[in-house]
Amino acid sequence: SAYSNGKPRSEAPVFLLFLDCVWQILRQFPCSFQFNENFLIMLFEHAYAS
């Protein structure tokens, strides 16, 4: 972004791993959730947008 200090971000993808875990459970028990994989994709896109 225009306001960054030029250093690349090096973060562990912990939230992405969490989303993957939720997705795996969602695939096994789809009726137990009030959202679908599109919501998880939207969360990922917003969390990692720069």
PDB file of N, CA and C in Angstrom:
ATOM      1  N   SER A   1       0.832  -1.190   0.000  1.00  0.00           N
ATOM      2  CA  SER A   1       0.000   0.000   0.000  1.00  0.00           C
ATOM      3  C   SER A   1       0.872   1.247   0.000  1.00  0.00           C
ATOM      4  N   ALA A   2       0.272   2.376  -0.199  1.00  0.00           N
ATOM      5  CA  ALA A   2       1.014   3.635  -0.289  1.00  0.00           C
ATOM      6  C   ALA A   2       1.590   4.047   1.056  1.00  0.00           C
ATOM      7  N   TYR A   3       1.059   3.529   2.141  1.00  0.00           N
ATOM      8  CA  TYR A   3       1.492   3.944   3.471  1.00  0.00           C
ATOM      9  C   TYR A   3       2.407   2.920   4.146  1.00  0.00           C
ATOM     10  N   SER A   4       2.781   1.881   3.445  1.00  0.00           N
ATOM     11  CA  SER A   4       3.645   0.880   4.072  1.00  0.00           C
ATOM     12  C   SER A   4       5.083   1.365   4.090  1.00  0.00           C
ATOM     13  N   ASN A   5       5.879   0.744   4.916  1.00  0.00           N
ATOM     14  CA  ASN A   5       7.275   1.146   5.038  1.00  0.00           C
ATOM     15  C   ASN A   5       8.174   0.395   4.064  1.00  0.00           C
ATOM     16  N   GLY A   6       7.600  -0.310   3.120  1.00  0.00           N
ATOM     17  CA  GLY A   6       8.374  -0.991   2.104  1.00  0.00           C
ATOM     18  C   GLY A   6       8.793  -2.400   2.458  1.00  0.00           C
ATOM     19  N   LYS A   7       8.641  -2.801   3.696  1.00  0.00           N
ATOM     20  CA  LYS A   7       9.011  -4.154   4.105  1.00  0.00           C
ATOM     21  C   LYS A   7       7.859  -5.106   3.779  1.00  0.00           C
ATOM     22  N   PRO A   8       8.159  -6.244   3.204  1.00  0.00           N
ATOM     23  CA  PRO A   8       7.085  -7.207   2.934  1.00  0.00           C
ATOM     24  C   PRO A   8       6.557  -7.799   4.238  1.00  0.00           C
ATOM     25  N   ARG A   9       5.269  -8.062   4.255  1.00  0.00           N
ATOM     26  CA  ARG A   9       4.664  -8.659   5.443  1.00  0.00           C
ATOM     27  C   ARG A   9       5.006 -10.133   5.488  1.00  0.00           C
ATOM     28  N   SER A  10       5.514 -10.568   6.598  1.00  0.00           N
ATOM     29  CA  SER A  10       5.787 -11.998   6.769  1.00  0.00           C
ATOM     30  C   SER A  10       5.048 -12.470   8.012  1.00  0.00           C
ATOM     31  N   GLU A  11       3.855 -12.961   7.785  1.00  0.00           N
ATOM     32  CA  GLU A  11       3.015 -13.432   8.874  1.00  0.00           C
ATOM     33  C   GLU A  11       2.703 -14.903   8.641  1.00  0.00           C
ATOM     34  N   ALA A  12       2.517 -15.610   9.709  1.00  0.00           N
ATOM     35  CA  ALA A  12       2.084 -16.997   9.597  1.00  0.00           C
ATOM     36  C   ALA A  12       0.601 -17.005   9.214  1.00  0.00           C
ATOM     37  N   PRO A  13       0.207 -17.876   8.315  1.00  0.00           N
ATOM     38  CA  PRO A  13      -1.190 -17.897   7.851  1.00  0.00           C
ATOM     39  C   PRO A  13      -2.118 -18.629   8.828  1.00  0.00           C
ATOM     40  N   VAL A  14      -2.111 -18.203  10.076  1.00  0.00           N
ATOM     41  CA  VAL A  14      -2.890 -18.888  11.107  1.00  0.00           C
ATOM     42  C   VAL A  14      -4.381 -18.776  10.820  1.00  0.00           C
ATOM     43  N   PHE A  15      -4.841 -17.593  10.420  1.00  0.00           N
ATOM     44  CA  PHE A  15      -6.272 -17.427  10.139  1.00  0.00           C
ATOM     45  C   PHE A  15      -6.674 -18.282   8.944  1.00  0.00           C
ATOM     46  N   LEU A  16      -5.809 -18.374   7.948  1.00  0.00           N
ATOM     47  CA  LEU A  16      -6.094 -19.222   6.793  1.00  0.00           C
ATOM     48  C   LEU A  16      -6.205 -20.687   7.212  1.00  0.00           C
ATOM     49  N   LEU A  17      -5.350 -21.121   8.112  1.00  0.00           N
ATOM     50  CA  LEU A  17      -5.435 -22.496   8.616  1.00  0.00           C
ATOM     51  C   LEU A  17      -6.739 -22.724   9.380  1.00  0.00           C
ATOM     52  N   PHE A  18      -7.157 -21.716  10.150  1.00  0.00           N
ATOM     53  CA  PHE A  18      -8.433 -21.807  10.862  1.00  0.00           C
ATOM     54  C   PHE A  18      -9.590 -21.921   9.869  1.00  0.00           C
ATOM     55  N   LEU A  19      -9.563 -21.088   8.815  1.00  0.00           N
ATOM     56  CA  LEU A  19     -10.624 -21.150   7.812  1.00  0.00           C
ATOM     57  C   LEU A  19     -10.653 -22.513   7.131  1.00  0.00           C
ATOM     58  N   ASP A  20      -9.489 -23.084   6.895  1.00  0.00           N
ATOM     59  CA  ASP A  20      -9.430 -24.407   6.287  1.00  0.00           C
ATOM     60  C   ASP A  20     -10.032 -25.456   7.214  1.00  0.00           C
ATOM     61  N   CYS A  21      -9.761 -25.354   8.499  1.00  0.00           N
ATOM     62  CA  CYS A  21     -10.353 -26.290   9.467  1.00  0.00           C
ATOM     63  C   CYS A  21     -11.873 -26.174   9.474  1.00  0.00           C
ATOM     64  N   VAL A  22     -12.363 -24.943   9.469  1.00  0.00           N
ATOM     65  CA  VAL A  22     -13.813 -24.731   9.438  1.00  0.00           C
ATOM     66  C   VAL A  22     -14.394 -25.309   8.155  1.00  0.00           C
ATOM     67  N   TRP A  23     -13.703 -25.098   7.030  1.00  0.00           N
ATOM     68  CA  TRP A  23     -14.186 -25.614   5.750  1.00  0.00           C
ATOM     69  C   TRP A  23     -14.254 -27.138   5.754  1.00  0.00           C
ATOM     70  N   GLN A  24     -13.240 -27.781   6.350  1.00  0.00           N
ATOM     71  CA  GLN A  24     -13.236 -29.245   6.417  1.00  0.00           C
ATOM     72  C   GLN A  24     -14.433 -29.760   7.222  1.00  0.00           C
ATOM     73  N   ILE A  25     -14.725 -29.104   8.335  1.00  0.00           N
ATOM     74  CA  ILE A  25     -15.875 -29.506   9.155  1.00  0.00           C
ATOM     75  C   ILE A  25     -17.173 -29.183   8.431  1.00  0.00           C
ATOM     76  N   LEU A  26     -17.206 -28.055   7.741  1.00  0.00           N
ATOM     77  CA  LEU A  26     -18.384 -27.665   6.961  1.00  0.00           C
ATOM     78  C   LEU A  26     -18.698 -28.709   5.893  1.00  0.00           C
ATOM     79  N   ARG A  27     -17.670 -29.241   5.260  1.00  0.00           N
ATOM     80  CA  ARG A  27     -17.871 -30.272   4.232  1.00  0.00           C
ATOM     81  C   ARG A  27     -18.430 -31.562   4.846  1.00  0.00           C
ATOM     82  N   GLN A  28     -18.050 -31.859   6.084  1.00  0.00           N
ATOM     83  CA  GLN A  28     -18.509 -33.089   6.727  1.00  0.00           C
ATOM     84  C   GLN A  28     -19.920 -32.955   7.285  1.00  0.00           C
ATOM     85  N   PHE A  29     -20.251 -31.765   7.795  1.00  0.00           N
ATOM     86  CA  PHE A  29     -21.544 -31.536   8.445  1.00  0.00           C
ATOM     87  C   PHE A  29     -22.190 -30.257   7.909  1.00  0.00           C
ATOM     88  N   PRO A  30     -22.602 -30.231   6.653  1.00  0.00           N
ATOM     89  CA  PRO A  30     -23.113 -28.991   6.056  1.00  0.00           C
ATOM     90  C   PRO A  30     -24.395 -28.465   6.714  1.00  0.00           C
ATOM     91  N   CYS A  31     -25.194 -29.330   7.297  1.00  0.00           N
ATOM     92  CA  CYS A  31     -26.444 -28.878   7.915  1.00  0.00           C
ATOM     93  C   CYS A  31     -26.233 -28.278   9.301  1.00  0.00           C
ATOM     94  N   SER A  32     -25.027 -28.355   9.813  1.00  0.00           N
ATOM     95  CA  SER A  32     -24.733 -27.833  11.146  1.00  0.00           C
ATOM     96  C   SER A  32     -24.292 -26.377  11.128  1.00  0.00           C
ATOM     97  N   PHE A  33     -24.193 -25.787   9.950  1.00  0.00           N
ATOM     98  CA  PHE A  33     -23.712 -24.413   9.828  1.00  0.00           C
ATOM     99  C   PHE A  33     -24.776 -23.537   9.187  1.00  0.00           C
ATOM    100  N   GLN A  34     -24.755 -22.268   9.539  1.00  0.00           N
ATOM    101  CA  GLN A  34     -25.685 -21.311   8.956  1.00  0.00           C
ATOM    102  C   GLN A  34     -25.016 -20.491   7.862  1.00  0.00           C
ATOM    103  N   PHE A  35     -23.910 -20.962   7.329  1.00  0.00           N
ATOM    104  CA  PHE A  35     -23.212 -20.299   6.232  1.00  0.00           C
ATOM    105  C   PHE A  35     -22.607 -21.371   5.337  1.00  0.00           C
ATOM    106  N   ASN A  36     -22.142 -20.944   4.172  1.00  0.00           N
ATOM    107  CA  ASN A  36     -21.532 -21.890   3.241  1.00  0.00           C
ATOM    108  C   ASN A  36     -20.103 -21.462   2.929  1.00  0.00           C
ATOM    109  N   GLU A  37     -19.467 -22.159   1.991  1.00  0.00           N
ATOM    110  CA  GLU A  37     -18.059 -21.881   1.697  1.00  0.00           C
ATOM    111  C   GLU A  37     -17.857 -20.511   1.064  1.00  0.00           C
ATOM    112  N   ASN A  38     -18.892 -19.937   0.454  1.00  0.00           N
ATOM    113  CA  ASN A  38     -18.762 -18.584  -0.095  1.00  0.00           C
ATOM    114  C   ASN A  38     -18.484 -17.566   1.006  1.00  0.00           C
ATOM    115  N   PHE A  39     -19.057 -17.772   2.162  1.00  0.00           N
ATOM    116  CA  PHE A  39     -18.795 -16.883   3.290  1.00  0.00           C
ATOM    117  C   PHE A  39     -17.348 -16.998   3.748  1.00  0.00           C
ATOM    118  N   LEU A  40     -16.817 -18.212   3.774  1.00  0.00           N
ATOM    119  CA  LEU A  40     -15.418 -18.405   4.161  1.00  0.00           C
ATOM    120  C   LEU A  40     -14.478 -17.755   3.150  1.00  0.00           C
ATOM    121  N   ILE A  41     -14.822 -17.836   1.882  1.00  0.00           N
ATOM    122  CA  ILE A  41     -14.012 -17.188   0.846  1.00  0.00           C
ATOM    123  C   ILE A  41     -14.037 -15.683   1.029  1.00  0.00           C
ATOM    124  N   MET A  42     -15.207 -15.126   1.334  1.00  0.00           N
ATOM    125  CA  MET A  42     -15.323 -13.689   1.559  1.00  0.00           C
ATOM    126  C   MET A  42     -14.494 -13.268   2.768  1.00  0.00           C
ATOM    127  N   LEU A  43     -14.513 -14.052   3.835  1.00  0.00           N
ATOM    128  CA  LEU A  43     -13.690 -13.750   5.009  1.00  0.00           C
ATOM    129  C   LEU A  43     -12.210 -13.751   4.656  1.00  0.00           C
ATOM    130  N   PHE A  44     -11.784 -14.751   3.893  1.00  0.00           N
ATOM    131  CA  PHE A  44     -10.389 -14.828   3.471  1.00  0.00           C
ATOM    132  C   PHE A  44     -10.000 -13.611   2.646  1.00  0.00           C
ATOM    133  N   GLU A  45     -10.826 -13.257   1.666  1.00  0.00           N
ATOM    134  CA  GLU A  45     -10.503 -12.128   0.791  1.00  0.00           C
ATOM    135  C   GLU A  45     -10.405 -10.825   1.564  1.00  0.00           C
ATOM    136  N   HIS A  46     -11.297 -10.617   2.524  1.00  0.00           N
ATOM    137  CA  HIS A  46     -11.260  -9.381   3.302  1.00  0.00           C
ATOM    138  C   HIS A  46     -10.108  -9.374   4.307  1.00  0.00           C
ATOM    139  N   ALA A  47      -9.783 -10.522   4.850  1.00  0.00           N
ATOM    140  CA  ALA A  47      -8.709 -10.584   5.846  1.00  0.00           C
ATOM    141  C   ALA A  47      -7.341 -10.360   5.219  1.00  0.00           C
ATOM    142  N   TYR A  48      -7.151 -10.816   3.987  1.00  0.00           N
ATOM    143  CA  TYR A  48      -5.843 -10.724   3.358  1.00  0.00           C
ATOM    144  C   TYR A  48      -5.764  -9.653   2.277  1.00  0.00           C
ATOM    145  N   ALA A  49      -6.778  -8.796   2.180  1.00  0.00           N
ATOM    146  CA  ALA A  49      -6.712  -7.678   1.230  1.00  0.00           C
ATOM    147  C   ALA A  49      -5.732  -6.641   1.766  1.00  0.00           C
ATOM    148  N   SER A  50      -4.955  -6.071   0.882  1.00  0.00           N
ATOM    149  CA  SER A  50      -3.962  -5.094   1.355  1.00  0.00           C
ATOM    150  C   SER A  50      -4.336  -3.686   1.011  1.00  0.00           C
TER     151      SER A  50
END
